Amino acid sequence: MAELLNVVKMPNKGRGLVRTRPLVAGEIVLRESPLLLYSAVPLGGAAAANYCSHCFRIVPPNSPTAVPCPHCSSASLFCTAECRSIALSSSRSPFVCHSLARLRGADSPLRHQHPDRHVQSWFLVSAYNLALMSPVHFQALISLQGESIVDETSVFLHSLISSVCPFPSNGNHSGFSVELTAALLSKDKLNAFGLMEPFDQQKERSASFFNHDCLPNACRFDYIDSISDSSNTDIVVRVLHDLAAGREVCLSYFPVNLKFSDRQQRLKDDYGFTCDCDRCRVEVNWSDNEEDDDQEMEADENGDDMEDDLETGSEEGNSDDFPHAYFFIRYMCNRDSCGGTLCPLPPSNASSPVSVMECNVCGKLESRDEDSSN
C-alpha cells in the first residue's frame, strides 16, 4: 500500500503521511508488519499466561496444542509448537529468555518499580535482541522519530539492562550505551502501536503511529485472534470517508469522544505535544458541559455539507459550522464503554460504496444507509 502514501515533513509535526491519489471510504492505505513485538503486561503479571509469546493470540485454558518455552517454561507459553519454533529463532532467543528470567527474579530491582518500567524493560530487551538477530531491522527501528534524552528513567533502565542481559563477549551489541537506551525509549514512546486485546468494557485501547487529529480521517485495525495465519499481528489502516489527493492521513491516538482537557493532557503526557487541530481550536473556549451537549446533538439537516467539511478538511474552525455532530453520529460506535470508531468495510471497487461499518475496537458490524445518515 506504500504507493498510496508519501512521507512528507509536516509543519510542527515532524513526518506525516500524505495520500498520493483520491481514496474511497474504507480503502486500505497501509498494511504493515511490526518491526518489534513485546508484551505490555508487567513482568510476572498473570495475564501474560493468557497469550502466546510469539503471535499474541489468546491461549485457552488447558489448550491441547499449547507448549511452554524450553528456556523459561514457568513464564512463557506458545499456542502451538510451530509458534514456539519460529520464536526460538527470532523474538524468543536464549538472550531474551535469560534476560527476562533475571528481570522476574526475586532479587530483581524491578520488583518494587512502577509497572511502566516493567514494560519499558521488556521493550529494551526485545530491542537489543533485534539488534543481535536482525541488524537491518534494528537500524530501521533506530531511524524512527525520537530524540535521545538521558534522564533518570533511562539511566536506571540502562543500568538494569546492563546487569541482566547476556551480551556477546565479542562486544558486538550495536553500540550499547545509555544514549542508545534513551533513544530507544523515546522512539518507543512516539512510535509504538499497541495491539488491541479482545474487547473488554473495562479496558481502554491505545495507539500511536500516524500523526494525530482529534477528528481523524482514518482508523487502525488489527485482527489478533480472528486471522489464522502469521499476518494476525499486521497493522491495517483504513480511511473513514472519501479523501482527496494531497491531504494528510491522520488517526486519533485515543477514543475521539474524550473531552478537550483530557485529550490535551493525554497528548502532553504521552507524546509531548499540544494539539492545535481544527477541533481543538473550536473547543478550547468551551466548557465541559458544552462539549457534552455537542456530542448529544443530532446531525445537522445539511448533512451533505458536514460530510464535505470532513472530506476536504476545514481550515477555519468555529462552533457554527464545524462537523462535530455528524462525525459522532456517523463514525462513533454506540456500544457501551467501547469508544471505538466505525469505518466502512474495504470496497470491492471504487464505484461500489460500502454501507456496512465495522468498529475498530469491539468489531461490531452494522449497516448504515447513506441516504438516512446524510
Protein backbone atom coordinates (compact mmCIF):
# COMPACT_ATOMS: atom_id res chain seq x y z
CA MET A 1 0.00 0.00 0.00
CA ALA A 2 3.07 2.24 0.10
CA GLU A 3 2.18 3.71 -3.31
CA LEU A 4 -0.91 5.34 -1.72
CA LEU A 5 1.12 7.38 0.77
CA ASN A 6 4.09 9.71 0.67
CA VAL A 7 6.18 10.55 3.73
CA VAL A 8 6.22 14.34 3.97
CA LYS A 9 7.67 16.70 6.55
CA MET A 10 4.68 18.44 8.17
CA PRO A 11 4.91 21.89 9.82
CA ASN A 12 5.24 21.48 13.61
CA LYS A 13 4.55 17.73 13.35
CA GLY A 14 7.69 16.07 12.05
CA ARG A 15 6.98 13.46 9.41
CA GLY A 16 3.46 12.71 8.21
CA LEU A 17 1.76 10.54 5.62
CA VAL A 18 0.01 12.25 2.69
CA ARG A 19 -2.14 10.42 0.18
CA THR A 20 -0.94 10.37 -3.41
CA ARG A 21 -4.33 9.93 -5.08
CA PRO A 22 -8.03 10.21 -4.18
CA LEU A 23 -9.19 7.47 -1.80
CA VAL A 24 -12.63 5.97 -1.25
CA ALA A 25 -14.27 5.26 2.10
CA GLY A 26 -12.99 2.04 3.66
CA GLU A 27 -9.96 1.78 1.40
CA ILE A 28 -6.88 0.24 2.99
CA VAL A 29 -3.98 2.68 2.87
CA LEU A 30 -1.48 0.70 4.92
CA ARG A 31 -0.93 -2.92 5.87
CA GLU A 32 2.35 -3.43 7.67
CA SER A 33 4.03 -5.92 9.95
CA PRO A 34 5.61 -4.51 13.12
CA LEU A 35 9.38 -4.27 13.46
CA LEU A 36 9.17 -5.44 17.04
CA LEU A 37 6.59 -7.16 19.24
CA TYR A 38 6.75 -7.27 23.02
CA SER A 39 4.27 -7.77 25.82
CA ALA A 40 2.76 -4.78 27.61
CA VAL A 41 1.95 -6.94 30.64
CA PRO A 42 4.14 -6.18 33.70
CA LEU A 43 6.80 -8.84 34.25
CA GLY A 44 5.34 -11.56 36.42
CA GLY A 45 1.77 -10.49 35.62
CA ALA A 46 -0.71 -13.36 35.48
CA ALA A 47 -2.26 -12.01 32.26
CA ALA A 48 0.89 -12.92 30.34
CA ALA A 49 -0.05 -16.61 30.63
CA ASN A 50 -3.20 -15.99 28.58
CA TYR A 51 -1.32 -15.05 25.39
CA CYS A 52 1.02 -16.79 23.01
CA SER A 53 4.51 -15.34 23.46
CA HIS A 54 5.01 -15.23 19.69
CA CYS A 55 1.74 -14.43 17.87
CA PHE A 56 -0.09 -12.95 20.91
CA ARG A 57 -3.28 -14.90 20.22
CA ILE A 58 -5.31 -15.91 23.25
CA VAL A 59 -4.34 -19.36 24.55
CA PRO A 60 -7.45 -21.04 26.03
CA PRO A 61 -7.01 -22.71 29.44
CA ASN A 62 -5.84 -26.33 29.10
CA SER A 63 -5.30 -25.93 25.36
CA PRO A 64 -4.06 -29.28 23.97
CA THR A 65 -1.75 -27.52 21.48
CA ALA A 66 -0.11 -25.11 23.95
CA VAL A 67 3.58 -25.70 24.68
CA PRO A 68 5.95 -24.00 27.16
CA CYS A 69 9.21 -22.26 26.38
CA PRO A 70 12.15 -24.64 26.93
CA HIS A 71 14.24 -21.85 28.47
CA CYS A 72 11.68 -20.15 30.75
CA SER A 73 8.75 -22.59 30.90
CA SER A 74 7.19 -21.14 34.03
CA ALA A 75 6.69 -17.71 32.47
CA SER A 76 6.16 -18.18 28.73
CA LEU A 77 3.64 -20.12 26.69
CA PHE A 78 3.11 -20.70 22.96
CA CYS A 79 -0.16 -21.60 21.29
CA THR A 80 1.49 -24.26 19.10
CA ALA A 81 4.83 -25.96 18.62
CA GLU A 82 5.13 -24.12 15.30
CA CYS A 83 4.87 -20.73 17.02
CA ARG A 84 7.47 -21.81 19.54
CA SER A 85 9.85 -22.96 16.81
CA ILE A 86 9.60 -19.62 14.99
CA ALA A 87 10.01 -17.62 18.20
CA LEU A 88 13.07 -19.51 19.41
CA SER A 89 14.98 -18.43 16.31
CA SER A 90 13.86 -14.81 16.49
CA SER A 91 11.92 -12.96 19.18
CA ARG A 92 12.40 -15.58 21.94
CA SER A 93 16.10 -16.29 21.68
CA PRO A 94 18.09 -17.52 24.71
CA PHE A 95 19.22 -13.89 25.10
CA VAL A 96 15.60 -12.82 25.72
CA CYS A 97 14.71 -15.74 27.97
CA HIS A 98 17.81 -15.31 30.13
CA SER A 99 17.22 -11.56 30.46
CA LEU A 100 13.52 -11.87 31.30
CA ALA A 101 14.19 -14.62 33.83
CA ARG A 102 16.60 -12.35 35.70
CA LEU A 103 14.22 -9.38 35.47
CA ARG A 104 11.48 -11.55 37.04
CA GLY A 105 13.78 -12.88 39.76
CA ALA A 106 13.08 -12.37 43.45
CA ASP A 107 16.12 -10.09 43.76
CA SER A 108 15.35 -8.03 40.63
CA PRO A 109 15.48 -4.23 41.10
CA LEU A 110 12.20 -4.14 39.14
CA ARG A 111 10.25 -5.84 41.92
CA HIS A 112 9.26 -2.53 43.51
CA GLN A 113 9.19 -0.38 40.39
CA HIS A 114 6.16 1.08 38.61
CA PRO A 115 4.60 -1.31 36.03
CA ASP A 116 5.57 1.14 33.27
CA ARG A 117 9.22 0.34 33.94
CA HIS A 118 8.48 -3.37 33.64
CA VAL A 119 7.08 -2.78 30.16
CA GLN A 120 9.97 -0.46 29.20
CA SER A 121 12.44 -3.13 30.33
CA TRP A 122 10.67 -5.74 28.22
CA PHE A 123 10.86 -3.39 25.23
CA LEU A 124 14.59 -2.76 25.71
CA VAL A 125 15.36 -6.48 25.97
CA SER A 126 13.37 -7.06 22.77
CA ALA A 127 15.05 -4.14 21.01
CA TYR A 128 18.58 -5.29 21.85
CA ASN A 129 17.65 -8.80 20.84
CA LEU A 130 16.55 -7.35 17.50
CA ALA A 131 19.99 -5.76 17.17
CA LEU A 132 21.60 -9.19 17.63
CA MET A 133 19.17 -11.18 15.47
CA SER A 134 18.40 -8.69 12.69
CA PRO A 135 20.70 -5.65 12.49
CA VAL A 136 18.84 -4.35 9.41
CA HIS A 137 15.52 -4.22 11.27
CA PHE A 138 17.25 -2.68 14.29
CA GLN A 139 18.57 0.12 12.09
CA ALA A 140 15.02 0.70 10.83
CA LEU A 141 13.90 0.99 14.46
CA ILE A 142 16.68 3.48 15.22
CA SER A 143 15.68 5.59 12.21
CA LEU A 144 12.22 6.30 13.63
CA GLN A 145 11.34 9.68 15.10
CA GLY A 146 12.50 10.29 18.68
CA GLU A 147 15.48 12.05 20.23
CA SER A 148 17.87 10.69 22.85
CA ILE A 149 17.05 12.39 26.16
CA VAL A 150 19.08 10.95 29.03
CA ASP A 151 17.05 11.23 32.22
CA GLU A 152 16.59 9.35 35.49
CA THR A 153 14.44 6.66 33.86
CA SER A 154 16.85 5.95 31.01
CA VAL A 155 19.85 5.86 33.39
CA PHE A 156 18.08 3.41 35.72
CA LEU A 157 16.90 1.17 32.90
CA HIS A 158 20.28 1.22 31.17
CA SER A 159 22.00 0.13 34.39
CA LEU A 160 19.38 -2.57 34.86
CA ILE A 161 19.66 -3.94 31.32
CA SER A 162 23.47 -3.85 31.56
CA SER A 163 23.30 -6.09 34.61
CA VAL A 164 20.89 -8.73 33.30
CA CYS A 165 21.39 -9.04 29.54
CA PRO A 166 23.98 -11.62 28.39
CA PHE A 167 25.56 -9.53 25.64
CA PRO A 168 28.08 -11.36 23.41
CA SER A 169 31.61 -11.41 24.78
CA ASN A 170 32.94 -10.14 21.46
CA GLY A 171 31.32 -6.76 22.16
CA ASN A 172 29.04 -6.96 19.10
CA HIS A 173 25.96 -5.30 20.59
CA SER A 174 25.28 -2.25 18.40
CA GLY A 175 27.00 0.43 20.43
CA PHE A 176 25.13 -0.32 23.67
CA SER A 177 25.14 2.87 25.73
CA VAL A 178 22.92 4.99 27.94
CA GLU A 179 22.41 7.35 25.00
CA LEU A 180 21.19 4.47 22.80
CA THR A 181 18.91 3.23 25.58
CA ALA A 182 17.45 6.73 25.93
CA ALA A 183 16.95 6.99 22.18
CA LEU A 184 15.18 3.62 22.04
CA LEU A 185 12.82 4.61 24.86
CA SER A 186 11.97 7.84 23.05
CA LYS A 187 11.32 6.04 19.76
CA ASP A 188 9.11 3.51 21.52
CA LYS A 189 7.08 6.26 23.18
CA LEU A 190 6.50 8.17 19.94
CA ASN A 191 6.04 5.26 17.54
CA ALA A 192 4.71 2.25 19.45
CA PHE A 193 1.42 0.89 18.19
CA GLY A 194 -0.30 -1.26 20.82
CA LEU A 195 -2.05 -4.37 19.53
CA MET A 196 -5.66 -4.46 20.65
CA GLU A 197 -6.86 -7.06 23.10
CA PRO A 198 -10.29 -8.65 22.64
CA PHE A 199 -12.99 -6.14 23.54
CA ASP A 200 -13.42 -5.64 27.27
CA GLN A 201 -15.62 -2.84 28.62
CA GLN A 202 -13.21 -2.28 31.50
CA LYS A 203 -10.12 -1.71 29.33
CA GLU A 204 -9.12 1.16 27.06
CA ARG A 205 -7.20 0.92 23.82
CA SER A 206 -4.23 2.96 22.86
CA ALA A 207 -2.37 3.69 19.71
CA SER A 208 0.24 5.97 18.22
CA PHE A 209 1.61 5.69 14.73
CA PHE A 210 0.45 8.22 12.14
CA ASN A 211 0.12 11.86 13.15
CA HIS A 212 -2.81 12.59 15.42
CA ASP A 213 -6.02 14.51 14.77
CA CYS A 214 -8.95 14.77 17.17
CA LEU A 215 -11.37 14.22 14.27
CA PRO A 216 -9.35 11.67 12.26
CA ASN A 217 -9.92 10.71 8.65
CA ALA A 218 -8.65 7.13 9.14
CA CYS A 219 -8.51 4.48 11.82
CA ARG A 220 -6.41 1.45 12.51
CA PHE A 221 -7.50 -2.20 12.83
CA ASP A 222 -5.81 -5.38 13.94
CA TYR A 223 -7.12 -8.92 14.00
CA ILE A 224 -5.00 -10.79 16.52
CA ASP A 225 -7.45 -13.63 17.17
CA SER A 226 -9.55 -13.56 14.00
CA ILE A 227 -6.88 -14.35 11.38
CA SER A 228 -5.36 -17.82 11.34
CA ASP A 229 -2.10 -17.10 9.52
CA SER A 230 1.05 -15.20 10.54
CA SER A 231 -0.38 -11.87 9.37
CA ASN A 232 -2.53 -11.65 12.52
CA THR A 233 -0.19 -9.04 14.03
CA ASP A 234 -0.24 -6.80 10.95
CA ILE A 235 -1.49 -3.24 11.38
CA VAL A 236 -4.21 -2.22 8.93
CA VAL A 237 -5.21 1.43 8.39
CA ARG A 238 -8.44 2.30 6.53
CA VAL A 239 -9.88 5.70 5.62
CA LEU A 240 -13.24 6.67 7.11
CA HIS A 241 -14.60 8.58 4.13
CA ASP A 242 -13.64 9.67 0.62
CA LEU A 243 -10.45 11.73 0.64
CA ALA A 244 -8.94 13.99 -2.00
CA ALA A 245 -5.31 13.58 -3.02
CA GLY A 246 -2.66 15.62 -1.23
CA ARG A 247 -4.11 15.70 2.29
CA GLU A 248 -2.53 14.12 5.35
CA VAL A 249 -3.90 10.84 6.67
CA CYS A 250 -4.36 11.09 10.45
CA LEU A 251 -5.51 8.79 13.24
CA SER A 252 -6.73 9.57 16.72
CA TYR A 253 -4.37 8.25 19.38
CA PHE A 254 -7.31 7.56 21.71
CA PRO A 255 -11.15 7.44 21.66
CA VAL A 256 -12.45 10.53 19.86
CA ASN A 257 -15.14 11.21 22.46
CA LEU A 258 -12.67 12.41 25.10
CA LYS A 259 -13.12 16.00 26.27
CA PHE A 260 -10.76 18.75 25.18
CA SER A 261 -8.93 18.96 28.52
CA ASP A 262 -8.49 15.18 28.72
CA ARG A 263 -7.21 14.96 25.14
CA GLN A 264 -4.68 17.73 25.66
CA GLN A 265 -3.44 16.19 28.91
CA ARG A 266 -3.01 12.77 27.31
CA LEU A 267 -1.13 14.16 24.32
CA LYS A 268 1.14 16.27 26.51
CA ASP A 269 1.93 13.45 28.94
CA ASP A 270 2.27 10.60 26.45
CA TYR A 271 3.53 12.26 23.26
CA GLY A 272 4.97 15.59 24.35
CA PHE A 273 2.89 17.98 22.24
CA THR A 274 -0.17 20.21 22.38
CA CYS A 275 -2.81 19.61 19.72
CA ASP A 276 -3.87 22.56 17.58
CA CYS A 277 -6.18 20.74 15.17
CA ASP A 278 -9.39 22.34 13.87
CA ARG A 279 -11.48 20.67 16.56
CA CYS A 280 -9.21 21.80 19.39
CA ARG A 281 -9.22 25.38 18.14
CA VAL A 282 -13.02 25.28 18.36
CA GLU A 283 -13.26 23.56 21.74
CA VAL A 284 -10.54 25.48 23.57
CA ASN A 285 -13.12 28.02 24.77
CA TRP A 286 -15.88 25.52 25.52
CA SER A 287 -16.89 24.35 28.97
CA ASP A 288 -17.17 20.62 29.67
CA ASN A 289 -20.96 20.98 29.63
CA GLU A 290 -20.85 22.47 26.15
CA GLU A 291 -18.77 19.51 24.98
CA ASP A 292 -21.32 17.08 26.43
CA ASP A 293 -24.17 18.96 24.78
CA ASP A 294 -22.37 18.96 21.43
CA GLN A 295 -21.81 15.21 21.46
CA GLU A 296 -25.52 14.65 22.17
CA MET A 297 -26.71 16.82 19.27
CA GLU A 298 -28.45 15.29 16.30
CA ALA A 299 -26.83 15.68 12.91
CA ASP A 300 -27.47 18.97 11.17
CA GLU A 301 -30.10 18.88 8.42
CA ASN A 302 -27.45 19.90 5.93
CA GLY A 303 -25.52 16.65 6.41
CA ASP A 304 -24.02 16.70 2.92
CA ASP A 305 -22.20 19.94 3.73
CA MET A 306 -20.92 18.47 7.00
CA GLU A 307 -19.54 15.43 5.22
CA ASP A 308 -17.90 17.69 2.66
CA ASP A 309 -16.17 19.51 5.54
CA LEU A 310 -14.78 16.20 6.80
CA GLU A 311 -13.60 15.14 3.34
CA THR A 312 -11.89 18.40 2.43
CA GLY A 313 -10.65 19.40 5.88
CA SER A 314 -11.84 22.79 7.07
CA GLU A 315 -9.07 25.22 7.90
CA GLU A 316 -11.37 27.60 9.73
CA GLY A 317 -12.87 26.14 12.89
CA ASN A 318 -15.89 27.69 14.55
CA SER A 319 -18.71 26.20 16.57
CA ASP A 320 -21.35 27.11 13.95
CA ASP A 321 -20.04 25.03 11.05
CA PHE A 322 -17.52 22.52 12.43
CA PRO A 323 -18.91 19.00 11.84
CA HIS A 324 -18.66 17.52 15.36
CA ALA A 325 -22.21 16.20 15.47
CA TYR A 326 -22.04 14.49 12.09
CA PHE A 327 -18.75 12.79 12.98
CA PHE A 328 -20.01 11.45 16.31
CA ILE A 329 -23.25 10.13 14.83
CA ARG A 330 -21.74 8.56 11.73
CA TYR A 331 -18.37 7.30 12.99
CA MET A 332 -18.68 6.69 16.77
CA CYS A 333 -19.58 3.17 17.93
CA ASN A 334 -22.63 3.32 20.21
CA ARG A 335 -21.78 0.17 22.15
CA ASP A 336 -21.47 0.87 25.88
CA SER A 337 -17.91 1.63 27.04
CA CYS A 338 -16.45 0.86 23.61
CA GLY A 339 -15.21 4.25 22.38
CA GLY A 340 -14.32 2.74 19.01
CA THR A 341 -14.53 4.29 15.56
CA LEU A 342 -16.77 2.97 12.80
CA CYS A 343 -15.24 2.60 9.35
CA PRO A 344 -16.71 1.18 6.12
CA LEU A 345 -15.54 -2.27 5.13
CA PRO A 346 -12.99 -2.23 2.28
CA PRO A 347 -14.80 -1.67 -1.05
CA SER A 348 -14.51 -4.20 -3.85
CA ASN A 349 -14.02 -1.33 -6.30
CA ALA A 350 -14.20 2.46 -6.31
CA SER A 351 -17.67 2.54 -7.88
CA SER A 352 -19.26 0.33 -5.20
CA PRO A 353 -19.59 2.26 -1.92
CA VAL A 354 -19.93 0.05 1.16
CA SER A 355 -22.72 0.73 3.66
CA VAL A 356 -21.54 -1.80 6.27
CA MET A 357 -19.46 -0.21 9.03
CA GLU A 358 -17.00 -2.06 11.29
CA CYS A 359 -15.92 -0.88 14.76
CA ASN A 360 -12.14 -0.92 15.15
CA VAL A 361 -12.39 -1.82 18.86
CA CYS A 362 -15.28 -4.22 19.53
CA GLY A 363 -15.59 -5.48 15.94
CA LYS A 364 -19.32 -4.84 15.69
CA LEU A 365 -20.73 -4.67 12.15
CA GLU A 366 -23.72 -2.51 11.34
CA SER A 367 -25.38 -1.35 8.17
CA ARG A 368 -25.56 2.37 7.59
CA ASP A 369 -27.97 3.79 4.99
CA GLU A 370 -26.07 6.56 3.20
CA ASP A 371 -29.25 8.49 2.47
CA SER A 372 -30.51 8.47 6.04
CA SER A 373 -27.12 9.29 7.56
CA ASN A 374 -26.59 12.27 5.27
